[in-house]
Amino acid sequence: MSTETLSTDTKSHANPRSGSLARTGLLIRYNVLLRLRDPGQMISYLVLPMVIMVVFKPLYVKAFDGGTLHAVIGPLVMFSMFALGIVGNSILVEREWRTWDRLRTTKAGRGELLFGKLVPPFAILIVQQTILLTFGTLVVGMPVPPSLPLLAIAVAVWGLTLLAIGAALATVARSRGDLNMVSDLGAMVISSLGGALVPVTLMPGWVAAIAPFSPGYWAMDLMRAAVDDDFAGMVRPALVCLTIAVVAGVFAGYRLARGWGRSHLI
């Protein structure tokens, strides 16, 4: 999709609202095509957690109560955090290609550009978690959640949190290599501290003490409460995740407002 196409399309809409919707739709289709042309990461972040679920389930079941649930929720949280790289790269690639400057010269506002850029990665995060939960139920043996709407809320909240964190990382990373390094290391550290690999109750005392500082800790609580149909138990972790999302989102917006979208970093 060229910027000329975007500009020409917007001129044909007399209604500003319909013009905004048309521009956003074009941006979404453009970014969907970019993701479909490079599906390697998406496939690996689906296959690897499935393998881990199957391999680790016997160990978890023997080690502690609720092992089957943990065998599903743990890899889901961990590999959804690895998907931060997909979110960040979807923004950072525009700087590498020197196309963000051109997009900013069109009639599309900053909100439209961000919305069009972030909707496809958000959809990927939702699809990834949905497939893994379905696999966990049908293959691994996780009990069918009594309330699918609560589970959908948990998936959406965690997806928004990851989306905001990934966008914030993309505005400070100096290269795609730096972004991938930070997102991969961060995913391992944050998800591990949050109890994705080993329950927090089995960790050393000092690790358990700092675990609540990890977004993964609250994601684990949120998913576990949703699967158990515990709405009251979802409230606190959902609020914490949304707070993280707001802070990260405001930071990303601030960076963009100061001109990060130019071909060099601030």
Protein backbone atom coordinates (compact mmCIF):
# COMPACT_ATOMS: atom_id res chain seq x y z
CA MET A 1 0.00 0.00 0.00
CA SER A 2 1.54 3.31 -1.05
CA THR A 3 1.01 6.62 0.68
CA GLU A 4 -0.32 7.96 -2.60
CA THR A 5 -3.08 5.34 -2.47
CA LEU A 6 -3.85 6.29 1.11
CA SER A 7 -4.00 9.97 0.30
CA THR A 8 -6.08 9.50 -2.85
CA ASP A 9 -8.54 7.24 -1.08
CA THR A 10 -9.10 9.71 1.73
CA LYS A 11 -9.83 12.57 -0.67
CA SER A 12 -12.80 10.67 -2.07
CA HIS A 13 -14.62 10.71 1.25
CA ALA A 14 -16.56 13.86 1.98
CA ASN A 15 -17.58 12.60 5.40
CA PRO A 16 -14.56 12.91 7.76
CA ARG A 17 -15.72 9.94 9.80
CA SER A 18 -16.06 7.66 6.79
CA GLY A 19 -12.70 8.91 5.53
CA SER A 20 -11.09 7.99 8.84
CA LEU A 21 -12.61 4.51 8.72
CA ALA A 22 -11.43 4.04 5.15
CA ARG A 23 -7.88 5.10 6.00
CA THR A 24 -7.79 2.84 9.03
CA GLY A 25 -9.12 -0.06 6.98
CA LEU A 26 -6.40 0.43 4.38
CA LEU A 27 -3.71 0.51 7.07
CA ILE A 28 -5.06 -2.66 8.68
CA ARG A 29 -5.08 -4.53 5.35
CA TYR A 30 -1.56 -3.32 4.62
CA ASN A 31 -0.25 -4.53 7.96
CA VAL A 32 -2.10 -7.86 7.71
CA LEU A 33 -0.26 -8.48 4.43
CA LEU A 34 3.06 -7.73 6.11
CA ARG A 35 2.35 -10.27 8.86
CA LEU A 36 1.19 -12.95 6.41
CA ARG A 37 4.36 -12.60 4.36
CA ASP A 38 6.49 -13.50 7.39
CA PRO A 39 4.58 -16.16 9.37
CA GLY A 40 7.62 -17.91 10.85
CA GLN A 41 7.45 -16.30 14.28
CA MET A 42 3.71 -16.85 14.57
CA ILE A 43 4.05 -20.55 13.76
CA SER A 44 6.93 -21.11 16.18
CA TYR A 45 5.08 -19.36 19.01
CA LEU A 46 2.22 -21.80 18.48
CA VAL A 47 4.12 -25.05 18.01
CA LEU A 48 6.72 -24.65 20.79
CA PRO A 49 4.25 -24.06 23.65
CA MET A 50 2.19 -27.03 22.47
CA VAL A 51 5.25 -29.25 22.71
CA ILE A 52 6.10 -27.90 26.16
CA MET A 53 2.52 -28.47 27.37
CA VAL A 54 2.62 -32.13 26.38
CA VAL A 55 6.16 -32.79 27.63
CA PHE A 56 5.88 -30.99 30.98
CA LYS A 57 2.37 -32.10 31.93
CA PRO A 58 3.41 -35.43 33.57
CA LEU A 59 6.03 -33.62 35.66
CA TYR A 60 3.63 -30.92 36.80
CA VAL A 61 0.87 -33.40 37.61
CA LYS A 62 3.22 -35.39 39.88
CA ALA A 63 4.81 -32.30 41.46
CA PHE A 64 1.77 -30.33 42.66
CA ASP A 65 -1.99 -30.01 42.58
CA GLY A 66 -3.40 -28.29 39.53
CA GLY A 67 -0.50 -29.47 37.41
CA THR A 68 -2.56 -29.89 34.26
CA LEU A 69 -3.85 -26.33 34.44
CA HIS A 70 -0.35 -24.99 35.03
CA ALA A 71 0.99 -27.03 32.11
CA VAL A 72 -1.37 -25.07 29.84
CA ILE A 73 -1.39 -21.59 31.41
CA GLY A 74 2.38 -21.41 31.97
CA PRO A 75 3.51 -21.93 28.36
CA LEU A 76 0.63 -19.77 27.14
CA VAL A 77 1.78 -16.79 29.21
CA MET A 78 5.45 -17.36 28.40
CA PHE A 79 5.06 -17.60 24.64
CA SER A 80 2.51 -14.81 24.45
CA MET A 81 5.27 -12.65 25.94
CA PHE A 82 7.66 -13.85 23.25
CA ALA A 83 5.13 -12.41 20.81
CA LEU A 84 6.18 -8.95 22.04
CA GLY A 85 8.73 -9.15 19.25
CA ILE A 86 5.94 -9.41 16.67
CA VAL A 87 4.23 -6.33 18.11
CA GLY A 88 7.41 -4.29 18.29
CA ASN A 89 8.65 -5.30 14.85
CA SER A 90 5.35 -4.29 13.30
CA ILE A 91 6.16 -0.70 14.30
CA LEU A 92 9.95 -0.74 14.06
CA VAL A 93 9.92 -2.04 10.48
CA GLU A 94 8.42 1.27 9.32
CA ARG A 95 11.52 3.11 10.53
CA GLU A 96 13.83 0.62 8.83
CA TRP A 97 11.99 0.99 5.54
CA ARG A 98 11.77 4.78 5.94
CA THR A 99 8.03 4.57 5.33
CA TRP A 100 6.73 6.04 8.59
CA ASP A 101 7.69 9.55 7.48
CA ARG A 102 5.66 9.09 4.30
CA LEU A 103 2.65 7.77 6.19
CA ARG A 104 2.76 10.80 8.49
CA THR A 105 2.48 13.12 5.47
CA THR A 106 -0.93 11.67 4.56
CA LYS A 107 -4.24 12.75 6.07
CA ALA A 108 -4.12 9.80 8.47
CA GLY A 109 -3.78 11.00 12.05
CA ARG A 110 -1.47 9.53 14.64
CA GLY A 111 -4.34 7.59 16.21
CA GLU A 112 -5.32 6.10 12.84
CA LEU A 113 -1.73 5.10 12.12
CA LEU A 114 -1.35 3.42 15.49
CA PHE A 115 -4.73 1.70 15.30
CA GLY A 116 -4.04 0.40 11.81
CA LYS A 117 -0.58 -0.75 12.84
CA LEU A 118 -1.55 -2.46 16.10
CA VAL A 119 -4.82 -4.21 15.22
CA PRO A 120 -3.13 -7.09 13.29
CA PRO A 121 -0.63 -7.92 16.11
CA PHE A 122 -3.47 -7.76 18.64
CA ALA A 123 -5.45 -10.20 16.51
CA ILE A 124 -2.39 -12.47 16.39
CA LEU A 125 -2.13 -12.40 20.20
CA ILE A 126 -5.82 -13.27 20.58
CA VAL A 127 -5.64 -16.09 18.04
CA GLN A 128 -2.46 -17.46 19.61
CA GLN A 129 -3.97 -17.62 23.10
CA THR A 130 -7.25 -19.03 21.81
CA ILE A 131 -5.53 -21.83 19.89
CA LEU A 132 -3.31 -22.72 22.85
CA LEU A 133 -6.24 -22.80 25.26
CA THR A 134 -8.18 -24.99 22.84
CA PHE A 135 -5.20 -27.30 22.45
CA GLY A 136 -4.77 -27.40 26.22
CA THR A 137 -8.39 -28.43 26.66
CA LEU A 138 -8.66 -30.98 23.86
CA VAL A 139 -5.18 -32.52 23.96
CA VAL A 140 -3.50 -31.77 27.30
CA GLY A 141 -6.64 -32.35 29.36
CA MET A 142 -7.29 -28.98 30.99
CA PRO A 143 -10.88 -28.83 32.28
CA VAL A 144 -13.28 -26.97 30.02
CA PRO A 145 -13.70 -23.47 31.51
CA PRO A 146 -17.24 -23.02 32.90
CA SER A 147 -17.44 -19.43 31.65
CA LEU A 148 -16.07 -18.72 28.18
CA PRO A 149 -16.93 -14.99 28.41
CA LEU A 150 -14.68 -14.60 31.47
CA LEU A 151 -11.91 -16.42 29.65
CA ALA A 152 -12.39 -14.15 26.64
CA ILE A 153 -12.07 -11.10 28.90
CA ALA A 154 -8.86 -12.45 30.40
CA VAL A 155 -7.39 -13.14 26.95
CA ALA A 156 -8.33 -9.65 25.73
CA VAL A 157 -6.91 -7.90 28.81
CA TRP A 158 -3.62 -9.76 28.59
CA GLY A 159 -3.48 -9.13 24.84
CA LEU A 160 -3.91 -5.38 25.37
CA THR A 161 -1.18 -5.42 27.99
CA LEU A 162 1.25 -7.15 25.66
CA LEU A 163 0.29 -4.83 22.82
CA ALA A 164 1.07 -1.72 24.87
CA ILE A 165 4.38 -3.11 26.17
CA GLY A 166 5.44 -4.12 22.67
CA ALA A 167 4.59 -0.68 21.29
CA ALA A 168 6.57 0.99 24.06
CA LEU A 169 9.60 -1.22 23.40
CA ALA A 170 9.45 -0.36 19.70
CA THR A 171 9.79 3.35 20.46
CA VAL A 172 13.04 2.93 22.40
CA ALA A 173 14.77 0.06 20.56
CA ARG A 174 17.60 1.20 18.32
CA SER A 175 17.36 -1.74 15.93
CA ARG A 176 15.39 -4.90 15.27
CA GLY A 177 18.22 -6.92 16.81
CA ASP A 178 18.02 -4.90 20.03
CA LEU A 179 14.25 -5.29 20.11
CA ASN A 180 14.41 -9.06 19.64
CA MET A 181 17.08 -9.38 22.32
CA VAL A 182 15.10 -7.36 24.84
CA SER A 183 11.80 -9.05 24.05
CA ASP A 184 13.24 -12.57 24.17
CA LEU A 185 15.25 -12.07 27.35
CA GLY A 186 12.42 -10.11 28.92
CA ALA A 187 9.93 -12.81 28.05
CA MET A 188 12.04 -15.50 29.71
CA VAL A 189 12.83 -13.49 32.83
CA ILE A 190 9.41 -11.91 33.34
CA SER A 191 7.41 -15.06 32.66
CA SER A 192 9.73 -17.21 34.79
CA LEU A 193 9.56 -14.78 37.71
CA GLY A 194 5.80 -14.71 37.26
CA GLY A 195 5.52 -18.46 37.76
CA ALA A 196 5.09 -19.62 34.18
CA LEU A 197 7.68 -22.39 34.51
CA VAL A 198 7.44 -23.14 38.23
CA PRO A 199 4.63 -21.99 40.56
CA VAL A 200 5.63 -19.04 42.72
CA THR A 201 4.86 -21.07 45.85
CA LEU A 202 7.73 -23.43 44.97
CA MET A 203 10.26 -20.67 44.29
CA PRO A 204 12.91 -19.41 46.73
CA GLY A 205 11.61 -16.78 49.12
CA TRP A 206 13.45 -13.87 47.50
CA VAL A 207 12.09 -14.78 44.08
CA ALA A 208 8.53 -15.09 45.40
CA ALA A 209 8.92 -11.65 46.99
CA ILE A 210 9.70 -9.93 43.68
CA ALA A 211 7.30 -12.03 41.57
CA PRO A 212 4.42 -9.48 41.85
CA PHE A 213 6.58 -6.96 39.97
CA SER A 214 6.34 -9.20 36.90
CA PRO A 215 3.40 -8.74 34.50
CA GLY A 216 3.55 -12.49 33.99
CA TYR A 217 2.63 -13.02 37.64
CA TRP A 218 -0.64 -11.15 37.17
CA ALA A 219 -1.30 -12.81 33.84
CA MET A 220 -1.01 -16.22 35.51
CA ASP A 221 -3.45 -15.17 38.24
CA LEU A 222 -5.81 -13.68 35.67
CA MET A 223 -5.88 -16.77 33.46
CA ARG A 224 -6.17 -19.16 36.39
CA ALA A 225 -9.10 -17.23 37.86
CA ALA A 226 -10.83 -17.09 34.45
CA VAL A 227 -10.50 -20.84 33.94
CA ASP A 228 -11.85 -21.42 37.47
CA ASP A 229 -14.83 -19.11 36.79
CA ASP A 230 -13.71 -16.85 39.63
CA PHE A 231 -14.77 -13.34 38.62
CA ALA A 232 -13.78 -11.83 41.97
CA GLY A 233 -10.33 -13.35 41.61
CA MET A 234 -9.97 -11.78 38.16
CA VAL A 235 -10.58 -8.19 39.26
CA ARG A 236 -7.24 -7.38 40.87
CA PRO A 237 -4.94 -9.00 38.25
CA ALA A 238 -7.05 -7.49 35.46
CA LEU A 239 -6.72 -4.01 36.98
CA VAL A 240 -2.97 -4.42 37.37
CA CYS A 241 -2.60 -5.59 33.77
CA LEU A 242 -4.72 -2.71 32.49
CA THR A 243 -2.68 -0.23 34.53
CA ILE A 244 0.50 -1.58 32.95
CA ALA A 245 -1.16 -1.29 29.53
CA VAL A 246 -2.15 2.34 30.14
CA VAL A 247 1.30 3.35 31.38
CA ALA A 248 3.08 1.62 28.49
CA GLY A 249 0.56 2.98 25.99
CA VAL A 250 0.92 6.56 27.23
CA PHE A 251 4.70 6.23 27.06
CA ALA A 252 4.53 4.93 23.48
CA GLY A 253 2.16 7.74 22.51
CA TYR A 254 4.44 10.32 24.11
CA ARG A 255 7.44 9.05 22.19
CA LEU A 256 5.51 9.11 18.93
CA ALA A 257 4.16 12.59 19.64
CA ARG A 258 7.72 13.84 20.04
CA GLY A 259 8.60 12.63 16.58
CA TRP A 260 9.84 9.08 17.03
CA GLY A 261 8.14 8.27 13.74
CA ARG A 262 10.90 10.05 11.89
CA SER A 263 13.68 7.93 10.44
CA HIS A 264 15.90 8.47 13.46
CA LEU A 265 15.32 7.98 17.16
CA ILE A 266 14.80 10.92 19.50
